[in-house]
Amino acid sequence: KLNFGPFLLDYVLKLPFIDPRFSTARPFTKGW
C-alpha cells in the first residue's frame, strides 16, 4: 500500500485525501 497507494490516490483516483467518512459520501462519488 505504501508503494502504490499515494500515486493511485493522487493521480489515478484523483482524491485529494482519504477519509473514513467516505462510506457516507454521496452515492456514486469516488469516495463512496
Full PDB file with SEQRES, HELIX, SHEET, SSBOND, CRYST1, ORIGX, SCALE, CONECT and MASTER records, all heavy atoms in Angstrom:
SEQRES   1 A   32  LYS LEU ASN PHE GLY PRO PHE LEU LEU ASP TYR VAL LEU          
SEQRES   2 A   32  LYS LEU PRO PHE ILE ASP PRO ARG PHE SER THR ALA ARG          
SEQRES   3 A   32  PRO PHE THR LYS GLY TRP                                      
HELIX    1 AA1 GLY A    5  PHE A    7  1                                   3    
HELIX    2 AA2 LEU A    8  VAL A   12  3                                   5    
HELIX    3 AA3 PRO A   20  THR A   24  5                                   5    
CRYST1    1.000    1.000    1.000  90.00  90.00  90.00 P 1           1          
ORIGX1      1.000000  0.000000  0.000000        0.00000                         
ORIGX2      0.000000  1.000000  0.000000        0.00000                         
ORIGX3      0.000000  0.000000  1.000000        0.00000                         
SCALE1      1.000000  0.000000  0.000000        0.00000                         
SCALE2      0.000000  1.000000  0.000000        0.00000                         
SCALE3      0.000000  0.000000  1.000000        0.00000                         
ATOM      1  N   LYS A   1       0.823  -1.206   0.000  1.00  0.00           N  
ATOM      2  CA  LYS A   1       0.000   0.000   0.000  1.00  0.00           C  
ATOM      3  C   LYS A   1       0.862   1.264   0.000  1.00  0.00           C  
ATOM      4  O   LYS A   1       0.542   2.244  -0.679  1.00  0.00           O  
ATOM      5  CB  LYS A   1      -0.945  -0.018   1.200  1.00  0.00           C  
ATOM      6  CG  LYS A   1      -2.043  -1.071   1.090  1.00  0.00           C  
ATOM      7  CD  LYS A   1      -3.121  -0.900   2.150  1.00  0.00           C  
ATOM      8  CE  LYS A   1      -2.645  -1.289   3.526  1.00  0.00           C  
ATOM      9  NZ  LYS A   1      -3.741  -1.223   4.527  1.00  0.00           N  
ATOM     10  N   LEU A   2       1.958   1.248   0.760  1.00  0.00           N  
ATOM     11  CA  LEU A   2       2.848   2.410   0.781  1.00  0.00           C  
ATOM     12  C   LEU A   2       3.497   2.639  -0.580  1.00  0.00           C  
ATOM     13  O   LEU A   2       3.703   3.781  -1.000  1.00  0.00           O  
ATOM     14  CB  LEU A   2       3.935   2.219   1.844  1.00  0.00           C  
ATOM     15  CG  LEU A   2       3.513   2.378   3.302  1.00  0.00           C  
ATOM     16  CD1 LEU A   2       4.669   2.001   4.222  1.00  0.00           C  
ATOM     17  CD2 LEU A   2       3.049   3.798   3.602  1.00  0.00           C  
ATOM     18  N   ASN A   3       3.814   1.564  -1.281  1.00  0.00           N  
ATOM     19  CA  ASN A   3       4.487   1.690  -2.577  1.00  0.00           C  
ATOM     20  C   ASN A   3       3.569   2.242  -3.661  1.00  0.00           C  
ATOM     21  O   ASN A   3       4.008   3.038  -4.510  1.00  0.00           O  
ATOM     22  CB  ASN A   3       5.049   0.334  -3.011  1.00  0.00           C  
ATOM     23  CG  ASN A   3       6.302  -0.050  -2.253  1.00  0.00           C  
ATOM     24  OD1 ASN A   3       7.038   0.811  -1.785  1.00  0.00           O  
ATOM     25  ND2 ASN A   3       6.547  -1.347  -2.126  1.00  0.00           N  
ATOM     26  N   PHE A   4       2.313   1.819  -3.664  1.00  0.00           N  
ATOM     27  CA  PHE A   4       1.428   2.164  -4.773  1.00  0.00           C  
ATOM     28  C   PHE A   4       0.278   3.103  -4.403  1.00  0.00           C  
ATOM     29  O   PHE A   4      -0.256   3.791  -5.266  1.00  0.00           O  
ATOM     30  CB  PHE A   4       0.848   0.880  -5.388  1.00  0.00           C  
ATOM     31  CG  PHE A   4       1.896  -0.048  -5.931  1.00  0.00           C  
ATOM     32  CD1 PHE A   4       2.252  -1.201  -5.243  1.00  0.00           C  
ATOM     33  CD2 PHE A   4       2.542   0.243  -7.121  1.00  0.00           C  
ATOM     34  CE1 PHE A   4       3.228  -2.052  -5.740  1.00  0.00           C  
ATOM     35  CE2 PHE A   4       3.517  -0.598  -7.627  1.00  0.00           C  
ATOM     36  CZ  PHE A   4       3.862  -1.755  -6.937  1.00  0.00           C  
ATOM     37  N   GLY A   5      -0.103   3.114  -3.136  1.00  0.00           N  
ATOM     38  CA  GLY A   5      -1.270   3.870  -2.720  1.00  0.00           C  
ATOM     39  C   GLY A   5      -1.212   5.368  -2.986  1.00  0.00           C  
ATOM     40  O   GLY A   5      -2.164   5.929  -3.566  1.00  0.00           O  
ATOM     41  N   PRO A   6      -0.139   6.062  -2.592  1.00  0.00           N  
ATOM     42  CA  PRO A   6      -0.117   7.523  -2.822  1.00  0.00           C  
ATOM     43  C   PRO A   6      -0.276   7.904  -4.285  1.00  0.00           C  
ATOM     44  O   PRO A   6      -1.027   8.840  -4.609  1.00  0.00           O  
ATOM     45  CB  PRO A   6       1.256   7.924  -2.260  1.00  0.00           C  
ATOM     46  CG  PRO A   6       1.542   6.903  -1.209  1.00  0.00           C  
ATOM     47  CD  PRO A   6       0.986   5.620  -1.759  1.00  0.00           C  
ATOM     48  N   PHE A   7       0.393   7.190  -5.182  1.00  0.00           N  
ATOM     49  CA  PHE A   7       0.265   7.503  -6.610  1.00  0.00           C  
ATOM     50  C   PHE A   7      -1.154   7.245  -7.097  1.00  0.00           C  
ATOM     51  O   PHE A   7      -1.746   8.067  -7.812  1.00  0.00           O  
ATOM     52  CB  PHE A   7       1.259   6.679  -7.424  1.00  0.00           C  
ATOM     53  CG  PHE A   7       1.118   6.874  -8.920  1.00  0.00           C  
ATOM     54  CD1 PHE A   7       1.722   7.954  -9.549  1.00  0.00           C  
ATOM     55  CD2 PHE A   7       0.361   5.989  -9.688  1.00  0.00           C  
ATOM     56  CE1 PHE A   7       1.575   8.155 -10.918  1.00  0.00           C  
ATOM     57  CE2 PHE A   7       0.209   6.182 -11.049  1.00  0.00           C  
ATOM     58  CZ  PHE A   7       0.826   7.258 -11.674  1.00  0.00           C  
ATOM     59  N   LEU A   8      -1.721   6.097  -6.737  1.00  0.00           N  
ATOM     60  CA  LEU A   8      -3.065   5.760  -7.206  1.00  0.00           C  
ATOM     61  C   LEU A   8      -4.101   6.758  -6.703  1.00  0.00           C  
ATOM     62  O   LEU A   8      -4.990   7.181  -7.449  1.00  0.00           O  
ATOM     63  CB  LEU A   8      -3.429   4.346  -6.752  1.00  0.00           C  
ATOM     64  CG  LEU A   8      -2.647   3.206  -7.417  1.00  0.00           C  
ATOM     65  CD1 LEU A   8      -2.988   1.870  -6.761  1.00  0.00           C  
ATOM     66  CD2 LEU A   8      -2.935   3.150  -8.917  1.00  0.00           C  
ATOM     67  N   LEU A   9      -3.976   7.155  -5.430  1.00  0.00           N  
ATOM     68  CA  LEU A   9      -4.950   8.081  -4.870  1.00  0.00           C  
ATOM     69  C   LEU A   9      -4.813   9.471  -5.484  1.00  0.00           C  
ATOM     70  O   LEU A   9      -5.800  10.121  -5.822  1.00  0.00           O  
ATOM     71  CB  LEU A   9      -4.797   8.153  -3.351  1.00  0.00           C  
ATOM     72  CG  LEU A   9      -5.293   6.915  -2.595  1.00  0.00           C  
ATOM     73  CD1 LEU A   9      -4.784   6.919  -1.169  1.00  0.00           C  
ATOM     74  CD2 LEU A   9      -6.816   6.860  -2.602  1.00  0.00           C  
ATOM     75  N   ASP A  10      -3.569   9.937  -5.634  1.00  0.00           N  
ATOM     76  CA  ASP A  10      -3.339  11.289  -6.148  1.00  0.00           C  
ATOM     77  C   ASP A  10      -3.623  11.413  -7.646  1.00  0.00           C  
ATOM     78  O   ASP A  10      -4.291  12.358  -8.087  1.00  0.00           O  
ATOM     79  CB  ASP A  10      -1.887  11.708  -5.887  1.00  0.00           C  
ATOM     80  CG  ASP A  10      -1.713  12.430  -4.559  1.00  0.00           C  
ATOM     81  OD1 ASP A  10      -2.729  12.830  -3.971  1.00  0.00           O  
ATOM     82  OD2 ASP A  10      -0.567  12.583  -4.124  1.00  0.00           O  
ATOM     83  N   TYR A  11      -3.126  10.449  -8.429  1.00  0.00           N  
ATOM     84  CA  TYR A  11      -3.082  10.644  -9.880  1.00  0.00           C  
ATOM     85  C   TYR A  11      -4.036   9.753 -10.683  1.00  0.00           C  
ATOM     86  O   TYR A  11      -4.319  10.049 -11.837  1.00  0.00           O  
ATOM     87  CB  TYR A  11      -1.654  10.440 -10.377  1.00  0.00           C  
ATOM     88  CG  TYR A  11      -0.698  11.434  -9.762  1.00  0.00           C  
ATOM     89  CD1 TYR A  11       0.240  11.040  -8.818  1.00  0.00           C  
ATOM     90  CD2 TYR A  11      -0.746  12.781 -10.114  1.00  0.00           C  
ATOM     91  CE1 TYR A  11       1.111  11.958  -8.236  1.00  0.00           C  
ATOM     92  CE2 TYR A  11       0.116  13.706  -9.557  1.00  0.00           C  
ATOM     93  CZ  TYR A  11       1.044  13.293  -8.614  1.00  0.00           C  
ATOM     94  OH  TYR A  11       1.892  14.210  -8.046  1.00  0.00           O  
ATOM     95  N   VAL A  12      -4.513   8.666 -10.080  1.00  0.00           N  
ATOM     96  CA  VAL A  12      -5.476   7.813 -10.778  1.00  0.00           C  
ATOM     97  C   VAL A  12      -6.896   8.116 -10.291  1.00  0.00           C  
ATOM     98  O   VAL A  12      -7.762   8.506 -11.069  1.00  0.00           O  
ATOM     99  CB  VAL A  12      -5.123   6.325 -10.597  1.00  0.00           C  
ATOM    100  CG1 VAL A  12      -6.172   5.451 -11.284  1.00  0.00           C  
ATOM    101  CG2 VAL A  12      -3.730   6.035 -11.155  1.00  0.00           C  
ATOM    102  N   LEU A  13      -7.115   7.954  -8.991  1.00  0.00           N  
ATOM    103  CA  LEU A  13      -8.436   8.278  -8.444  1.00  0.00           C  
ATOM    104  C   LEU A  13      -8.644   9.774  -8.296  1.00  0.00           C  
ATOM    105  O   LEU A  13      -9.779  10.251  -8.241  1.00  0.00           O  
ATOM    106  CB  LEU A  13      -8.605   7.591  -7.084  1.00  0.00           C  
ATOM    107  CG  LEU A  13      -8.628   6.069  -7.106  1.00  0.00           C  
ATOM    108  CD1 LEU A  13      -8.755   5.523  -5.692  1.00  0.00           C  
ATOM    109  CD2 LEU A  13      -9.749   5.551  -7.975  1.00  0.00           C  
ATOM    110  N   LYS A  14      -7.530  10.522  -8.225  1.00  0.00           N  
ATOM    111  CA  LYS A  14      -7.564  11.988  -8.090  1.00  0.00           C  
ATOM    112  C   LYS A  14      -8.377  12.414  -6.874  1.00  0.00           C  
ATOM    113  O   LYS A  14      -9.175  13.360  -6.915  1.00  0.00           O  
ATOM    114  CB  LYS A  14      -8.094  12.631  -9.374  1.00  0.00           C  
ATOM    115  CG  LYS A  14      -7.191  12.374 -10.576  1.00  0.00           C  
ATOM    116  CD  LYS A  14      -7.690  13.060 -11.828  1.00  0.00           C  
ATOM    117  CE  LYS A  14      -6.732  12.780 -12.993  1.00  0.00           C  
ATOM    118  NZ  LYS A  14      -7.177  13.425 -14.255  1.00  0.00           N  
ATOM    119  N   LEU A  15      -8.112  11.712  -5.768  1.00  0.00           N  
ATOM    120  CA  LEU A  15      -8.701  12.064  -4.485  1.00  0.00           C  
ATOM    121  C   LEU A  15      -7.687  12.904  -3.709  1.00  0.00           C  
ATOM    122  O   LEU A  15      -6.558  12.463  -3.506  1.00  0.00           O  
ATOM    123  CB  LEU A  15      -9.057  10.809  -3.690  1.00  0.00           C  
ATOM    124  CG  LEU A  15     -10.251   9.999  -4.199  1.00  0.00           C  
ATOM    125  CD1 LEU A  15     -10.314   8.647  -3.506  1.00  0.00           C  
ATOM    126  CD2 LEU A  15     -11.553  10.772  -3.960  1.00  0.00           C  
ATOM    127  N   PRO A  16      -8.043  14.098  -3.238  1.00  0.00           N  
ATOM    128  CA  PRO A  16      -7.083  14.936  -2.534  1.00  0.00           C  
ATOM    129  C   PRO A  16      -6.731  14.423  -1.151  1.00  0.00           C  
ATOM    130  O   PRO A  16      -5.728  14.818  -0.568  1.00  0.00           O  
ATOM    131  CB  PRO A  16      -7.802  16.286  -2.453  1.00  0.00           C  
ATOM    132  CG  PRO A  16      -9.255  15.950  -2.518  1.00  0.00           C  
ATOM    133  CD  PRO A  16      -9.342  14.753  -3.431  1.00  0.00           C  
ATOM    134  N   PHE A  17      -7.567  13.539  -0.613  1.00  0.00           N  
ATOM    135  CA  PHE A  17      -7.309  12.930   0.695  1.00  0.00           C  
ATOM    136  C   PHE A  17      -8.145  11.668   0.794  1.00  0.00           C  
ATOM    137  O   PHE A  17      -9.018  11.416  -0.046  1.00  0.00           O  
ATOM    138  CB  PHE A  17      -7.648  13.895   1.847  1.00  0.00           C  
ATOM    139  CG  PHE A  17      -9.058  14.432   1.797  1.00  0.00           C  
ATOM    140  CD1 PHE A  17     -10.120  13.714   2.332  1.00  0.00           C  
ATOM    141  CD2 PHE A  17      -9.318  15.669   1.224  1.00  0.00           C  
ATOM    142  CE1 PHE A  17     -11.409  14.200   2.286  1.00  0.00           C  
ATOM    143  CE2 PHE A  17     -10.611  16.175   1.169  1.00  0.00           C  
ATOM    144  CZ  PHE A  17     -11.656  15.442   1.695  1.00  0.00           C  
ATOM    145  N   ILE A  18      -7.880  10.889   1.819  1.00  0.00           N  
ATOM    146  CA  ILE A  18      -8.654   9.673   2.068  1.00  0.00           C  
ATOM    147  C   ILE A  18      -9.297   9.800   3.442  1.00  0.00           C  
ATOM    148  O   ILE A  18      -8.675  10.300   4.383  1.00  0.00           O  
ATOM    149  CB  ILE A  18      -7.753   8.424   1.958  1.00  0.00           C  
ATOM    150  CG1 ILE A  18      -8.581   7.153   2.101  1.00  0.00           C  
ATOM    151  CG2 ILE A  18      -6.601   8.462   2.933  1.00  0.00           C  
ATOM    152  CD1 ILE A  18      -7.792   5.903   1.763  1.00  0.00           C  
ATOM    153  N   ASP A  19     -10.542   9.367   3.573  1.00  0.00           N  
ATOM    154  CA  ASP A  19     -11.330   9.696   4.760  1.00  0.00           C  
ATOM    155  C   ASP A  19     -12.183   8.499   5.184  1.00  0.00           C  
ATOM    156  O   ASP A  19     -12.862   7.891   4.340  1.00  0.00           O  
ATOM    157  CB  ASP A  19     -12.239  10.890   4.426  1.00  0.00           C  
ATOM    158  CG  ASP A  19     -12.878  11.533   5.642  1.00  0.00           C  
ATOM    159  OD1 ASP A  19     -13.014  10.862   6.677  1.00  0.00           O  
ATOM    160  OD2 ASP A  19     -13.256  12.720   5.558  1.00  0.00           O  
ATOM    161  N   PRO A  20     -12.198   8.145   6.478  1.00  0.00           N  
ATOM    162  CA  PRO A  20     -13.096   7.080   6.943  1.00  0.00           C  
ATOM    163  C   PRO A  20     -14.564   7.379   6.660  1.00  0.00           C  
ATOM    164  O   PRO A  20     -15.380   6.452   6.585  1.00  0.00           O  
ATOM    165  CB  PRO A  20     -12.832   7.032   8.449  1.00  0.00           C  
ATOM    166  CG  PRO A  20     -11.469   7.592   8.632  1.00  0.00           C  
ATOM    167  CD  PRO A  20     -11.331   8.633   7.565  1.00  0.00           C  
ATOM    168  N   ARG A  21     -14.919   8.660   6.484  1.00  0.00           N  
ATOM    169  CA  ARG A  21     -16.301   9.034   6.228  1.00  0.00           C  
ATOM    170  C   ARG A  21     -16.717   8.872   4.768  1.00  0.00           C  
ATOM    171  O   ARG A  21     -17.852   9.201   4.403  1.00  0.00           O  
ATOM    172  CB  ARG A  21     -16.549  10.484   6.668  1.00  0.00           C  
ATOM    173  CG  ARG A  21     -16.470  10.674   8.160  1.00  0.00           C  
ATOM    174  CD  ARG A  21     -16.814  12.101   8.568  1.00  0.00           C  
ATOM    175  NE  ARG A  21     -16.703  12.251  10.012  1.00  0.00           N  
ATOM    176  CZ  ARG A  21     -17.671  11.948  10.879  1.00  0.00           C  
ATOM    177  NH1 ARG A  21     -18.835  11.499  10.433  1.00  0.00           N  
ATOM    178  NH2 ARG A  21     -17.482  12.092  12.169  1.00  0.00           N  
ATOM    179  N   PHE A  22     -15.823   8.365   3.933  1.00  0.00           N  
ATOM    180  CA  PHE A  22     -16.197   8.126   2.539  1.00  0.00           C  
ATOM    181  C   PHE A  22     -17.410   7.199   2.431  1.00  0.00           C  
ATOM    182  O   PHE A  22     -18.164   7.264   1.462  1.00  0.00           O  
ATOM    183  CB  PHE A  22     -15.025   7.510   1.775  1.00  0.00           C  
ATOM    184  CG  PHE A  22     -14.008   8.504   1.297  1.00  0.00           C  
ATOM    185  CD1 PHE A  22     -12.784   8.063   0.795  1.00  0.00           C  
ATOM    186  CD2 PHE A  22     -14.250   9.858   1.328  1.00  0.00           C  
ATOM    187  CE1 PHE A  22     -11.829   8.968   0.334  1.00  0.00           C  
ATOM    188  CE2 PHE A  22     -13.306  10.775   0.877  1.00  0.00           C  
ATOM    189  CZ  PHE A  22     -12.097  10.321   0.374  1.00  0.00           C  
ATOM    190  N   SER A  23     -17.583   6.341   3.430  1.00  0.00           N  
ATOM    191  CA  SER A  23     -18.707   5.395   3.371  1.00  0.00           C  
ATOM    192  C   SER A  23     -20.054   6.094   3.427  1.00  0.00           C  
ATOM    193  O   SER A  23     -21.070   5.528   3.018  1.00  0.00           O  
ATOM    194  CB  SER A  23     -18.601   4.389   4.515  1.00  0.00           C  
ATOM    195  OG  SER A  23     -18.602   5.049   5.773  1.00  0.00           O  
ATOM    196  N   THR A  24     -20.091   7.335   3.927  1.00  0.00           N  
ATOM    197  CA  THR A  24     -21.348   8.083   3.983  1.00  0.00           C  
ATOM    198  C   THR A  24     -21.365   9.231   2.971  1.00  0.00           C  
ATOM    199  O   THR A  24     -22.203  10.127   3.064  1.00  0.00           O  
ATOM    200  CB  THR A  24     -21.587   8.641   5.397  1.00  0.00           C  
ATOM    201  OG1 THR A  24     -20.466   9.457   5.793  1.00  0.00           O  
ATOM    202  CG2 THR A  24     -21.750   7.509   6.403  1.00  0.00           C  
ATOM    203  N   ALA A  25     -20.432   9.200   2.023  1.00  0.00           N  
ATOM    204  CA  ALA A  25     -20.421  10.214   0.965  1.00  0.00           C  
ATOM    205  C   ALA A  25     -21.627  10.006   0.043  1.00  0.00           C  
ATOM    206  O   ALA A  25     -22.311   8.978   0.084  1.00  0.00           O  
ATOM    207  CB  ALA A  25     -19.128  10.126   0.167  1.00  0.00           C  
ATOM    208  N   ARG A  26     -21.869  10.972  -0.827  1.00  0.00           N  
ATOM    209  CA  ARG A  26     -22.991  10.852  -1.757  1.00  0.00           C  
ATOM    210  C   ARG A  26     -22.780   9.659  -2.679  1.00  0.00           C  
ATOM    211  O   ARG A  26     -21.667   9.386  -3.137  1.00  0.00           O  
ATOM    212  CB  ARG A  26     -23.133  12.139  -2.567  1.00  0.00           C  
ATOM    213  CG  ARG A  26     -23.494  13.355  -1.718  1.00  0.00           C  
ATOM    214  CD  ARG A  26     -23.746  14.570  -2.569  1.00  0.00           C  
ATOM    215  NE  ARG A  26     -24.917  14.404  -3.417  1.00  0.00           N  
ATOM    216  CZ  ARG A  26     -25.378  15.333  -4.245  1.00  0.00           C  
ATOM    217  NH1 ARG A  26     -24.736  16.495  -4.349  1.00  0.00           N  
ATOM    218  NH2 ARG A  26     -26.440  15.094  -4.990  1.00  0.00           N  
ATOM    219  N   PRO A  27     -23.852   8.895  -2.954  1.00  0.00           N  
ATOM    220  CA  PRO A  27     -23.723   7.701  -3.794  1.00  0.00           C  
ATOM    221  C   PRO A  27     -23.074   8.002  -5.138  1.00  0.00           C  
ATOM    222  O   PRO A  27     -23.321   9.037  -5.757  1.00  0.00           O  
ATOM    223  CB  PRO A  27     -25.174   7.243  -3.963  1.00  0.00           C  
ATOM    224  CG  PRO A  27     -25.861   7.751  -2.739  1.00  0.00           C  
ATOM    225  CD  PRO A  27     -25.209   9.066  -2.441  1.00  0.00           C  
ATOM    226  N   PHE A  28     -22.204   7.077  -5.534  1.00  0.00           N  
ATOM    227  CA  PHE A  28     -21.518   7.073  -6.830  1.00  0.00           C  
ATOM    228  C   PHE A  28     -20.418   8.136  -6.951  1.00  0.00           C  
ATOM    229  O   PHE A  28     -19.875   8.329  -8.029  1.00  0.00           O  
ATOM    230  CB  PHE A  28     -22.535   7.194  -7.989  1.00  0.00           C  
ATOM    231  CG  PHE A  28     -23.584   6.128  -7.947  1.00  0.00           C  
ATOM    232  CD1 PHE A  28     -24.887   6.425  -7.597  1.00  0.00           C  
ATOM    233  CD2 PHE A  28     -23.252   4.807  -8.215  1.00  0.00           C  
ATOM    234  CE1 PHE A  28     -25.858   5.443  -7.535  1.00  0.00           C  
ATOM    235  CE2 PHE A  28     -24.220   3.812  -8.160  1.00  0.00           C  
ATOM    236  CZ  PHE A  28     -25.514   4.123  -7.818  1.00  0.00           C  
ATOM    237  N   THR A  29     -20.102   8.816  -5.848  1.00  0.00           N  
ATOM    238  CA  THR A  29     -18.894   9.637  -5.851  1.00  0.00           C  
ATOM    239  C   THR A  29     -17.676   8.718  -5.692  1.00  0.00           C  
ATOM    240  O   THR A  29     -17.801   7.542  -5.324  1.00  0.00           O  
ATOM    241  CB  THR A  29     -18.920  10.655  -4.705  1.00  0.00           C  
ATOM    242  OG1 THR A  29     -19.017   9.955  -3.451  1.00  0.00           O  
ATOM    243  CG2 THR A  29     -20.090  11.612  -4.858  1.00  0.00           C  
ATOM    244  N   LYS A  30     -16.497   9.247  -6.005  1.00  0.00           N  
ATOM    245  CA  LYS A  30     -15.288   8.423  -5.930  1.00  0.00           C  
ATOM    246  C   LYS A  30     -15.066   7.871  -4.525  1.00  0.00           C  
ATOM    247  O   LYS A  30     -14.721   6.701  -4.349  1.00  0.00           O  
ATOM    248  CB  LYS A  30     -14.078   9.240  -6.367  1.00  0.00           C  
ATOM    249  CG  LYS A  30     -14.053   9.598  -7.839  1.00  0.00           C  
ATOM    250  CD  LYS A  30     -12.830  10.437  -8.155  1.00  0.00           C  
ATOM    251  CE  LYS A  30     -12.832  10.886  -9.608  1.00  0.00           C  
ATOM    252  NZ  LYS A  30     -11.657  11.756  -9.907  1.00  0.00           N  
ATOM    253  N   GLY A  31     -15.245   8.725  -3.524  1.00  0.00           N  
ATOM    254  CA  GLY A  31     -15.042   8.270  -2.156  1.00  0.00           C  
ATOM    255  C   GLY A  31     -16.007   7.167  -1.768  1.00  0.00           C  
ATOM    256  O   GLY A  31     -15.625   6.172  -1.143  1.00  0.00           O  
ATOM    257  N   TRP A  32     -17.270   7.328  -2.140  1.00  0.00           N  
ATOM    258  CA  TRP A  32     -18.293   6.327  -1.836  1.00  0.00           C  
ATOM    259  C   TRP A  32     -17.972   4.999  -2.508  1.00  0.00           C  
ATOM    260  O   TRP A  32     -18.095   3.930  -1.903  1.00  0.00           O  
ATOM    261  CB  TRP A  32     -19.644   6.859  -2.307  1.00  0.00           C  
ATOM    262  CG  TRP A  32     -20.813   5.948  -2.049  1.00  0.00           C  
ATOM    263  CD1 TRP A  32     -21.555   5.855  -0.911  1.00  0.00           C  
ATOM    264  CD2 TRP A  32     -21.375   5.005  -2.983  1.00  0.00           C  
ATOM    265  NE1 TRP A  32     -22.556   4.912  -1.063  1.00  0.00           N  
ATOM    266  CE2 TRP A  32     -22.463   4.374  -2.327  1.00  0.00           C  
ATOM    267  CE3 TRP A  32     -21.069   4.650  -4.288  1.00  0.00           C  
ATOM    268  CZ2 TRP A  32     -23.241   3.408  -2.945  1.00  0.00           C  
ATOM    269  CZ3 TRP A  32     -21.849   3.679  -4.909  1.00  0.00           C  
ATOM    270  CH2 TRP A  32     -22.915   3.070  -4.243  1.00  0.00           C  
TER     271      TRP A  32                                                      
MASTER        0    0    0    3    0    0    0    6  270    1    0    3          
END                                                                             
